[in-house]
Amino acid sequence: MDNKVKSGKEILEDFFTNISKVENVDTVLAESLITLYQQNKLTDTNLKNELQKLREKQCQPKLKK
């Protein structure tokens, strides 16, 4: 058997490549996570800030034109 063990970086790359394809995953949230990861900004503080922005955006009443 010639099983290759994936590195942590490879596992993260696979995860963030496929997260938006997972059933029942919010695509907006997934895209936010992917962006933070790609920018090397996936930290506790940045993640909390991004989640707060998404909550605020979701709670804003829809303005009628």
C-alpha atoms as a PDB file:
ATOM      1  CA  MET A   1       0.000   0.000   0.000  1.00  0.00           C
ATOM      2  CA  ASP A   2       1.300   3.355  -1.012  1.00  0.00           C
ATOM      3  CA  ASN A   3      -1.026   5.702   0.880  1.00  0.00           C
ATOM      4  CA  LYS A   4       0.176   9.279   0.928  1.00  0.00           C
ATOM      5  CA  VAL A   5      -0.508  11.128   4.152  1.00  0.00           C
ATOM      6  CA  LYS A   6      -1.778  14.649   3.505  1.00  0.00           C
ATOM      7  CA  SER A   7      -0.133  17.566   5.216  1.00  0.00           C
ATOM      8  CA  GLY A   8      -2.151  20.001   7.298  1.00  0.00           C
ATOM      9  CA  LYS A   9      -1.910  22.570   4.499  1.00  0.00           C
ATOM     10  CA  GLU A  10      -3.244  20.073   1.950  1.00  0.00           C
ATOM     11  CA  ILE A  11      -6.164  19.201   4.237  1.00  0.00           C
ATOM     12  CA  LEU A  12      -7.006  22.900   4.678  1.00  0.00           C
ATOM     13  CA  GLU A  13      -6.761  23.515   0.925  1.00  0.00           C
ATOM     14  CA  ASP A  14      -9.145  20.600   0.253  1.00  0.00           C
ATOM     15  CA  PHE A  15     -11.542  21.834   2.933  1.00  0.00           C
ATOM     16  CA  PHE A  16     -11.698  25.422   1.677  1.00  0.00           C
ATOM     17  CA  THR A  17     -11.878  24.290  -1.952  1.00  0.00           C
ATOM     18  CA  ASN A  18     -14.934  22.155  -1.249  1.00  0.00           C
ATOM     19  CA  ILE A  19     -16.722  23.919   1.622  1.00  0.00           C
ATOM     20  CA  SER A  20     -19.197  25.723  -0.626  1.00  0.00           C
ATOM     21  CA  LYS A  21     -20.176  22.391  -2.221  1.00  0.00           C
ATOM     22  CA  VAL A  22     -21.223  20.829   1.086  1.00  0.00           C
ATOM     23  CA  GLU A  23     -24.967  20.396   1.435  1.00  0.00           C
ATOM     24  CA  ASN A  24     -26.710  22.909   3.735  1.00  0.00           C
ATOM     25  CA  VAL A  25     -23.664  25.182   4.033  1.00  0.00           C
ATOM     26  CA  ASP A  26     -24.551  28.856   3.670  1.00  0.00           C
ATOM     27  CA  THR A  27     -22.763  30.007   0.519  1.00  0.00           C
ATOM     28  CA  VAL A  28     -22.234  33.574   1.756  1.00  0.00           C
ATOM     29  CA  LEU A  29     -20.618  32.286   4.934  1.00  0.00           C
ATOM     30  CA  ALA A  30     -18.531  29.785   2.977  1.00  0.00           C
ATOM     31  CA  GLU A  31     -17.286  32.496   0.627  1.00  0.00           C
ATOM     32  CA  SER A  32     -16.384  34.706   3.589  1.00  0.00           C
ATOM     33  CA  LEU A  33     -14.371  31.881   5.158  1.00  0.00           C
ATOM     34  CA  ILE A  34     -12.641  31.111   1.870  1.00  0.00           C
ATOM     35  CA  THR A  35     -11.707  34.769   1.402  1.00  0.00           C
ATOM     36  CA  LEU A  36     -10.281  35.067   4.915  1.00  0.00           C
ATOM     37  CA  TYR A  37      -8.293  31.853   4.422  1.00  0.00           C
ATOM     38  CA  GLN A  38      -6.913  32.936   1.035  1.00  0.00           C
ATOM     39  CA  GLN A  39      -5.842  36.289   2.470  1.00  0.00           C
ATOM     40  CA  ASN A  40      -4.126  34.550   5.421  1.00  0.00           C
ATOM     41  CA  LYS A  41      -6.493  36.433   7.722  1.00  0.00           C
ATOM     42  CA  LEU A  42      -8.408  33.504   9.188  1.00  0.00           C
ATOM     43  CA  THR A  43      -7.964  34.500  12.813  1.00  0.00           C
ATOM     44  CA  ASP A  44     -10.320  34.429  15.763  1.00  0.00           C
ATOM     45  CA  THR A  45     -10.804  38.203  15.675  1.00  0.00           C
ATOM     46  CA  ASN A  46     -11.295  38.445  11.907  1.00  0.00           C
ATOM     47  CA  LEU A  47     -13.721  35.532  11.956  1.00  0.00           C
ATOM     48  CA  LYS A  48     -15.779  37.134  14.744  1.00  0.00           C
ATOM     49  CA  ASN A  49     -15.827  40.447  12.860  1.00  0.00           C
ATOM     50  CA  GLU A  50     -16.900  38.781   9.631  1.00  0.00           C
ATOM     51  CA  LEU A  51     -19.683  36.851  11.367  1.00  0.00           C
ATOM     52  CA  GLN A  52     -20.895  40.067  12.981  1.00  0.00           C
ATOM     53  CA  LYS A  53     -20.983  41.799   9.578  1.00  0.00           C
ATOM     54  CA  LEU A  54     -22.952  38.922   8.084  1.00  0.00           C
ATOM     55  CA  ARG A  55     -25.446  38.983  10.987  1.00  0.00           C
ATOM     56  CA  GLU A  56     -25.932  42.729  10.656  1.00  0.00           C
ATOM     57  CA  LYS A  57     -26.382  42.429   6.908  1.00  0.00           C
ATOM     58  CA  GLN A  58     -28.930  39.643   7.352  1.00  0.00           C
ATOM     59  CA  CYS A  59     -30.909  41.580   9.982  1.00  0.00           C
ATOM     60  CA  GLN A  60     -31.172  44.804   7.983  1.00  0.00           C
ATOM     61  CA  PRO A  61     -34.713  45.370   6.761  1.00  0.00           C
ATOM     62  CA  LYS A  62     -35.096  45.127   3.029  1.00  0.00           C
ATOM     63  CA  LEU A  63     -35.618  48.588   1.593  1.00  0.00           C
ATOM     64  CA  LYS A  64     -38.365  48.843  -0.988  1.00  0.00           C
ATOM     65  CA  LYS A  65     -37.697  50.945  -4.049  1.00  0.00           C
END
